[in-house]
Protein backbone atom coordinates (compact mmCIF):
# COMPACT_ATOMS: atom_id res chain seq x y z
CA MET A 1 73.50 -13.97 57.63
CA LYS A 2 74.49 -10.74 55.77
CA ALA A 3 78.31 -10.34 55.26
CA ALA A 4 80.66 -7.88 53.30
CA VAL A 5 82.70 -10.23 51.00
CA CYS A 6 86.02 -9.24 49.13
CA TYR A 7 85.55 -10.95 45.64
CA GLU A 8 88.27 -8.90 43.90
CA PHE A 9 91.41 -7.11 45.39
CA GLY A 10 90.98 -3.29 45.17
CA LYS A 11 87.27 -3.46 44.60
CA PRO A 12 84.51 -2.48 46.88
CA LEU A 13 83.08 -5.21 49.19
CA VAL A 14 79.79 -7.19 48.18
CA ILE A 15 77.13 -7.20 50.75
CA GLU A 16 75.36 -10.52 50.47
CA GLU A 17 73.88 -13.51 52.24
CA LEU A 18 76.20 -16.22 53.65
CA ARG A 19 75.69 -19.38 55.33
CA ILE A 20 77.72 -20.01 58.78
CA ARG A 21 77.84 -23.62 60.11
CA ASP A 22 76.84 -24.65 63.54
CA PRO A 23 79.32 -24.51 66.42
CA ARG A 24 81.38 -27.54 67.09
CA PRO A 25 82.08 -28.49 70.82
CA ASP A 26 84.71 -25.81 71.51
CA GLU A 27 83.19 -23.18 69.39
CA VAL A 28 80.93 -20.10 69.96
CA LYS A 29 78.66 -18.19 67.59
CA VAL A 30 78.70 -14.51 68.29
CA LYS A 31 76.07 -11.93 67.12
CA VAL A 32 78.41 -8.81 66.06
CA ALA A 33 77.39 -5.57 67.52
CA ALA A 34 80.40 -3.60 66.32
CA THR A 35 83.53 -4.09 64.05
CA ALA A 36 86.33 -1.51 63.95
CA ILE A 37 88.27 -1.01 60.77
CA CYS A 38 92.05 -1.82 61.23
CA HIS A 39 94.74 -0.70 58.62
CA SER A 40 95.30 -4.35 58.07
CA ASP A 41 91.83 -4.75 56.70
CA ILE A 42 92.67 -2.06 54.05
CA HIS A 43 95.81 -4.16 53.17
CA ASP A 44 93.94 -7.25 52.92
CA ILE A 45 91.22 -5.82 50.57
CA ASN A 46 93.89 -4.23 48.51
CA GLY A 47 95.81 -7.57 48.23
CA ASP A 48 99.01 -6.23 49.80
CA PHE A 49 99.25 -9.31 52.04
CA GLY A 50 98.23 -11.86 49.26
CA GLY A 51 95.99 -14.75 50.18
CA GLY A 52 92.99 -16.46 48.74
CA LEU A 53 89.54 -15.10 47.61
CA PRO A 54 86.77 -14.52 48.38
CA PHE A 55 87.03 -13.78 51.99
CA VAL A 56 85.13 -11.67 54.86
CA GLY A 57 87.56 -9.37 56.55
CA GLY A 58 87.26 -7.50 59.93
CA HIS A 59 88.88 -8.68 63.05
CA GLU A 60 88.18 -6.01 65.83
CA VAL A 61 84.83 -7.27 67.18
CA ALA A 62 82.45 -6.95 70.04
CA GLY A 63 79.12 -8.62 70.54
CA ARG A 64 77.12 -11.13 72.37
CA VAL A 65 77.24 -14.78 72.54
CA GLN A 66 74.41 -16.33 70.33
CA GLU A 67 75.05 -19.97 70.65
CA THR A 68 77.92 -22.30 72.18
CA GLY A 69 79.20 -25.73 71.53
CA ALA A 70 78.84 -28.37 73.94
CA GLY A 71 82.11 -28.22 75.47
CA VAL A 72 82.29 -24.61 76.11
CA THR A 73 82.40 -23.40 79.73
CA ALA A 74 83.82 -19.82 79.74
CA VAL A 75 80.83 -17.98 78.12
CA ALA A 76 76.99 -18.52 77.80
CA PRO A 77 74.39 -17.26 75.46
CA GLY A 78 73.82 -13.54 76.26
CA ASP A 79 77.14 -12.79 77.45
CA PRO A 80 78.89 -9.59 76.17
CA VAL A 81 82.31 -10.34 74.68
CA ILE A 82 85.23 -9.10 72.84
CA VAL A 83 86.40 -11.26 69.86
CA SER A 84 90.27 -11.56 69.20
CA LEU A 85 92.09 -12.98 66.18
CA LEU A 86 94.35 -14.96 68.75
CA GLU A 87 93.32 -18.36 69.73
CA SER A 88 95.13 -20.86 71.99
CA CYS A 89 94.94 -24.31 73.14
CA GLY A 90 96.48 -23.81 76.45
CA ARG A 91 98.66 -27.07 76.04
CA CYS A 92 101.28 -26.33 73.55
CA PHE A 93 104.88 -25.31 74.16
CA TYR A 94 104.17 -21.57 73.48
CA CYS A 95 100.87 -21.52 75.58
CA MET A 96 102.61 -23.48 78.56
CA THR A 97 105.56 -20.96 78.50
CA GLY A 98 103.33 -17.74 78.87
CA ARG A 99 103.13 -16.88 75.21
CA PRO A 100 99.60 -17.96 74.06
CA TYR A 101 99.84 -15.49 71.00
CA PHE A 102 102.17 -17.99 69.34
CA CYS A 103 99.99 -20.98 70.03
CA GLU A 104 101.06 -23.93 67.76
CA THR A 105 97.86 -25.78 67.56
CA LYS A 106 95.56 -22.98 66.19
CA VAL A 107 92.27 -23.97 64.63
CA THR A 108 92.62 -22.47 60.88
CA TYR A 109 89.09 -21.00 60.35
CA ASP A 110 90.63 -18.79 57.65
CA ILE A 111 91.42 -21.92 55.78
CA ARG A 112 88.74 -24.55 56.28
CA GLY A 113 85.09 -24.12 55.79
CA THR A 114 82.98 -22.06 58.09
CA LEU A 115 81.29 -19.74 55.65
CA THR A 116 79.75 -20.52 52.35
CA ASN A 117 78.00 -18.17 49.79
CA GLN A 118 74.67 -18.91 47.95
CA LYS A 119 76.65 -20.85 45.27
CA GLY A 120 77.91 -23.31 47.78
CA GLU A 121 81.44 -21.89 47.58
CA ASP A 122 83.70 -21.58 50.63
CA VAL A 123 84.20 -18.03 51.76
CA ILE A 124 87.45 -17.47 53.91
CA GLN A 125 87.03 -16.24 57.50
CA LYS A 126 89.87 -13.82 57.29
CA ALA A 127 92.09 -13.63 60.35
CA ARG A 128 90.01 -16.37 62.06
CA VAL A 129 87.27 -13.84 62.60
CA GLY A 130 85.61 -12.38 59.53
CA GLY A 131 83.94 -9.59 61.57
CA PHE A 132 82.47 -7.68 58.57
CA ALA A 133 79.23 -9.86 58.99
CA GLU A 134 76.40 -10.17 61.28
CA TYR A 135 77.62 -13.15 62.91
CA VAL A 136 81.08 -14.89 63.67
CA LEU A 137 82.00 -18.35 64.54
CA VAL A 138 85.23 -18.52 66.64
CA HIS A 139 87.09 -20.71 69.09
CA GLU A 140 86.17 -20.26 72.65
CA SER A 141 89.81 -19.06 73.37
CA GLN A 142 89.27 -16.12 71.22
CA LEU A 143 86.77 -14.48 73.30
CA VAL A 144 87.03 -12.27 76.56
CA LYS A 145 83.88 -12.02 78.49
CA ILE A 146 83.11 -8.26 79.56
CA ALA A 147 80.85 -6.76 82.03
CA ASP A 148 77.50 -5.13 80.87
CA GLY A 149 77.71 -1.38 80.42
CA LEU A 150 80.88 -1.18 78.24
CA SER A 151 79.66 0.17 75.00
CA MET A 152 80.28 -2.28 71.86
CA ASP A 153 81.77 0.56 69.83
CA VAL A 154 84.38 1.15 72.51
CA ALA A 155 84.95 -2.65 73.30
CA CYS A 156 85.66 -3.72 69.75
CA LEU A 157 88.81 -1.45 69.70
CA LEU A 158 90.46 -3.90 72.30
CA GLY A 159 90.37 -6.84 69.70
CA CYS A 160 93.58 -5.68 68.07
CA GLY A 161 94.67 -2.25 67.52
CA VAL A 162 94.60 -0.89 71.31
CA THR A 163 96.25 -4.17 72.66
CA THR A 164 98.76 -4.31 69.90
CA GLY A 165 100.24 -0.87 70.35
CA PHE A 166 99.81 -0.80 74.28
CA GLY A 167 101.23 -4.42 74.73
CA ALA A 168 104.39 -3.67 72.47
CA VAL A 169 105.41 -0.96 74.93
CA VAL A 170 104.30 -2.59 78.17
CA ASN A 171 104.80 -6.19 77.53
CA ARG A 172 107.36 -6.69 74.78
CA ALA A 173 109.63 -3.80 75.45
CA LYS A 174 108.89 -3.50 79.21
CA VAL A 175 109.68 0.21 79.08
CA PRO A 176 111.22 1.35 82.50
CA PRO A 177 110.16 4.75 84.02
CA MET A 178 111.87 7.74 82.61
CA SER A 179 113.08 5.84 79.50
CA SER A 180 112.96 8.07 76.25
CA VAL A 181 110.50 6.77 73.56
CA ALA A 182 109.72 7.64 70.00
CA VAL A 183 106.60 6.16 68.23
CA ILE A 184 106.75 6.17 64.31
CA GLY A 185 103.28 6.46 62.91
CA VAL A 186 100.59 7.68 65.44
CA GLY A 187 97.47 6.41 63.82
CA GLY A 188 95.28 3.86 65.75
CA VAL A 189 97.97 1.50 66.81
CA GLY A 190 100.58 4.23 67.38
CA LEU A 191 98.44 6.32 69.74
CA ASN A 192 98.15 3.16 72.00
CA SER A 193 102.00 2.86 72.09
CA VAL A 194 101.94 6.46 73.14
CA GLN A 195 99.46 5.69 75.99
CA GLY A 196 101.40 2.57 76.89
CA ALA A 197 104.48 4.92 77.23
CA VAL A 198 102.48 7.13 79.51
CA ILE A 199 101.47 4.33 81.55
CA CYS A 200 105.13 3.06 82.00
CA GLY A 201 106.19 6.56 82.98
CA ALA A 202 108.43 7.36 79.93
CA ASN A 203 109.79 10.78 79.21
CA PRO A 204 110.01 12.23 76.70
CA ILE A 205 107.49 10.53 74.36
CA ILE A 206 108.10 11.67 70.93
CA ALA A 207 105.54 11.26 68.19
CA VAL A 208 106.64 10.94 64.65
CA ASP A 209 104.43 11.29 61.63
CA ILE A 210 103.89 12.70 58.09
CA VAL A 211 100.49 14.11 59.13
CA GLY A 212 100.46 17.31 61.02
CA SER A 213 96.86 16.64 62.65
CA LYS A 214 97.89 13.46 63.90
CA LEU A 215 101.07 14.86 65.75
CA THR A 216 98.46 17.34 67.42
CA ARG A 217 96.23 14.35 68.42
CA ALA A 218 99.20 12.54 69.78
CA LYS A 219 99.90 15.10 72.28
CA GLU A 220 96.43 14.80 73.51
CA PHE A 221 97.16 11.18 74.27
CA GLY A 222 100.18 11.82 76.06
CA ALA A 223 103.01 12.75 73.73
CA THR A 224 105.37 15.35 74.88
CA HIS A 225 106.85 16.32 71.40
CA GLY A 226 105.84 15.93 67.68
CA VAL A 227 108.03 15.32 64.79
CA ASP A 228 106.81 16.21 61.26
CA ALA A 229 108.69 13.54 59.19
CA LYS A 230 107.66 15.60 56.11
CA ALA A 231 109.12 18.83 57.14
CA ALA A 232 112.34 17.58 58.74
CA ASP A 233 114.67 14.68 59.02
CA PRO A 234 113.02 12.59 61.74
CA VAL A 235 116.32 11.16 62.91
CA ALA A 236 117.85 14.33 63.38
CA ALA A 237 114.80 15.86 65.03
CA VAL A 238 114.55 13.01 67.49
CA LYS A 239 118.22 13.31 68.43
CA GLY A 240 117.87 17.05 68.86
CA LEU A 241 115.26 16.41 71.37
CA THR A 242 117.36 14.05 73.40
CA ALA A 243 120.60 15.90 73.61
CA GLY A 244 122.17 14.09 70.48
CA ARG A 245 121.97 10.65 71.99
CA GLY A 246 118.74 9.43 70.59
CA VAL A 247 116.13 7.42 72.36
CA ASP A 248 116.09 4.33 74.76
CA TYR A 249 113.08 2.86 72.68
CA VAL A 250 111.36 3.30 69.17
CA PHE A 251 108.11 1.68 68.41
CA VAL A 252 107.59 1.37 64.61
CA THR A 253 103.73 1.21 64.19
CA VAL A 254 103.60 1.54 60.42
CA GLY A 255 104.08 -1.29 58.07
CA SER A 256 107.17 -0.07 56.44
CA SER A 257 110.86 -1.44 56.14
CA ALA A 258 112.03 2.31 55.66
CA ALA A 259 110.71 3.44 59.03
CA LEU A 260 112.57 0.54 60.79
CA GLY A 261 115.68 1.89 59.25
CA GLN A 262 114.91 5.13 60.61
CA ALA A 263 114.21 3.77 64.00
CA PHE A 264 117.57 1.99 64.29
CA ALA A 265 119.16 5.33 63.36
CA MET A 266 117.38 7.32 66.02
CA LEU A 267 118.27 4.75 68.83
CA ALA A 268 120.60 5.74 71.67
CA LYS A 269 123.38 3.19 72.51
CA ARG A 270 121.72 0.11 74.03
CA GLY A 271 118.47 1.30 72.58
CA THR A 272 115.72 -0.98 71.26
CA ALA A 273 113.60 -0.75 68.27
CA VAL A 274 110.40 -2.64 68.08
CA MET A 275 108.59 -3.32 64.66
CA VAL A 276 104.88 -3.28 65.55
CA GLY A 277 103.32 -2.77 61.91
CA LEU A 278 103.19 -5.40 59.44
CA PRO A 279 104.70 -4.34 56.04
CA PRO A 280 103.13 -5.52 52.69
CA ALA A 281 104.70 -8.46 51.16
CA ALA A 282 106.30 -6.27 48.55
CA ASP A 283 108.07 -4.06 50.79
CA PRO A 284 111.90 -4.23 50.58
CA PRO A 285 114.00 -6.11 53.28
CA VAL A 286 115.81 -3.60 55.64
CA SER A 287 119.48 -3.17 55.40
CA LEU A 288 121.25 -2.32 58.74
CA PRO A 289 124.88 -1.49 59.67
CA ALA A 290 126.16 -4.72 61.14
CA GLY A 291 129.19 -3.09 62.79
CA GLU A 292 126.80 -0.67 64.74
CA PHE A 293 125.33 -3.71 66.67
CA ALA A 294 128.67 -4.51 68.20
CA LEU A 295 129.54 -0.87 68.80
CA THR A 296 126.37 0.44 70.32
CA GLU A 297 124.61 -2.86 71.66
CA LYS A 298 121.49 -1.72 69.82
CA THR A 299 118.64 -4.15 69.76
CA VAL A 300 115.90 -4.74 66.86
CA THR A 301 112.94 -6.86 67.46
CA GLY A 302 109.26 -7.44 66.65
CA GLY A 303 106.22 -7.06 68.78
CA PHE A 304 103.21 -9.47 67.58
CA MET A 305 99.77 -8.58 68.69
CA GLY A 306 101.24 -6.77 71.80
CA SER A 307 102.54 -9.97 73.15
CA ILE A 308 99.09 -10.13 75.08
CA CYS A 309 97.46 -12.59 77.20
CA LEU A 310 93.73 -11.88 76.32
CA GLN A 311 92.32 -12.67 79.68
CA VAL A 312 94.83 -10.43 81.59
CA ASP A 313 95.71 -7.59 79.41
CA ILE A 314 92.09 -6.83 77.95
CA PRO A 315 90.64 -6.38 81.48
CA GLY A 316 93.44 -4.40 82.63
CA ILE A 317 93.12 -1.79 79.93
CA ILE A 318 89.38 -1.83 80.61
CA ALA A 319 90.18 -0.96 84.38
CA LEU A 320 92.42 1.80 83.37
CA TYR A 321 89.82 3.23 80.94
CA LYS A 322 87.06 3.06 83.68
CA VAL A 323 89.18 5.26 85.95
CA GLY A 324 90.09 7.80 83.45
CA ARG A 325 93.66 6.87 82.81
CA TYR A 326 93.05 5.47 79.31
CA LYS A 327 91.52 7.05 76.37
CA LEU A 328 89.30 4.75 73.97
CA ASP A 329 86.46 6.99 73.08
CA GLU A 330 88.65 9.38 71.57
CA LEU A 331 90.03 6.92 69.14
CA ILE A 332 86.76 6.54 67.35
CA ALA A 333 86.62 8.91 64.31
CA GLY A 334 83.13 7.68 62.85
CA ARG A 335 80.45 5.11 63.26
CA TYR A 336 78.79 3.73 60.10
CA PRO A 337 75.96 1.39 59.61
CA PHE A 338 76.84 -1.83 58.09
CA GLU A 339 75.22 -1.02 54.64
CA HIS A 340 77.94 1.95 54.40
CA ILE A 341 80.89 -0.21 54.95
CA ASN A 342 82.52 0.79 51.90
CA GLU A 343 82.31 4.31 52.73
CA ALA A 344 83.74 3.48 56.07
CA LEU A 345 86.75 1.73 54.47
CA GLN A 346 87.42 4.48 51.99
CA SER A 347 87.55 7.02 54.86
CA SER A 348 90.04 4.88 56.81
CA ALA A 349 92.11 4.18 53.82
CA ALA A 350 92.55 8.06 53.20
CA GLY A 351 94.71 7.98 56.54
CA GLU A 352 93.24 11.00 58.32
CA VAL A 353 91.10 9.13 60.80
CA LEU A 354 91.98 6.87 63.57
CA ARG A 355 89.18 4.27 63.91
CA ASN A 356 86.06 4.01 61.98
CA VAL A 357 83.63 1.59 63.35
CA ILE A 358 80.76 -0.55 61.71
CA MET A 359 77.65 -0.56 63.76
CA PHE A 360 75.35 -3.61 63.55
CA ASP A 361 72.09 -4.19 65.44
CA GLN A 362 72.23 -2.08 68.59
CA ALA A 363 70.27 -4.58 70.51
CA ALA A 364 72.92 -7.15 70.08
């Protein structure tokens, strides 16, 4: 199969033929139709998160089941599916207590051999998916079967960015109706936090970003206000929009420790800041005023992958999309053939677009 491999951090990917092993009893081989580019992919390719080389990136994938292991019952060859980086055993402590995204018994495809190049060297399947390739081999729990008719370019968005942003609001914070919300960073993940806030009935919903065009787009997705963090102090601006009190919830969808500090400062009393984005390893630690926790009862927490249950949340978002209550098509900035993946990555890294999608064989 052809795959785009990262051999050197900060360098273009190399498209070459790789070998992929046969499925084990609980594994599924998927023929990839579309893979969206997440900003985490950019960080991976630049080496911001560290890790080994070489690897195949890409983790927002949709395609069709090609082959299944002997023990697989949830899907069959030909089924259209969304592939997630989340896998779960269904038996460990976290799975049994409703938090399968923290599964303790993960199969580590990103460590042990699934892919090899023509020299026989192991190639890491990054994030347990490796979707910048014609095929992926994953654990059956990573798949969500979808109905025929949902476009693959739209479906792949649900593998990470959409569910992460939406789930942080709906699942992790459980934002009550009429709560005030700010979202710092309204790119691909942040716009889905905005949409999650709309679904929850929040008001106002304040988008904060340093790119003016993104603030305009955020209003199309449901934000009531926009704050240009380049032109004004975002903390003062958010407080100015909330009678000086600050907001009940802030969602930090950019990977920045400094942004988390701003989020804490713009919270109202008893407010909650949720760190959604993953900062690079070199990002400095956050320093927060300890006394303010006691005096204001503010909360700072994290939101990992939207705290989602794949088989519940993804069908739920698709249902909202089908009745016109959720925007997915509008998240796609460009569609690129596989051979132009480096152009798509460069465009995504520039920061102006939401999601670029790599399109494989349309018949997949």
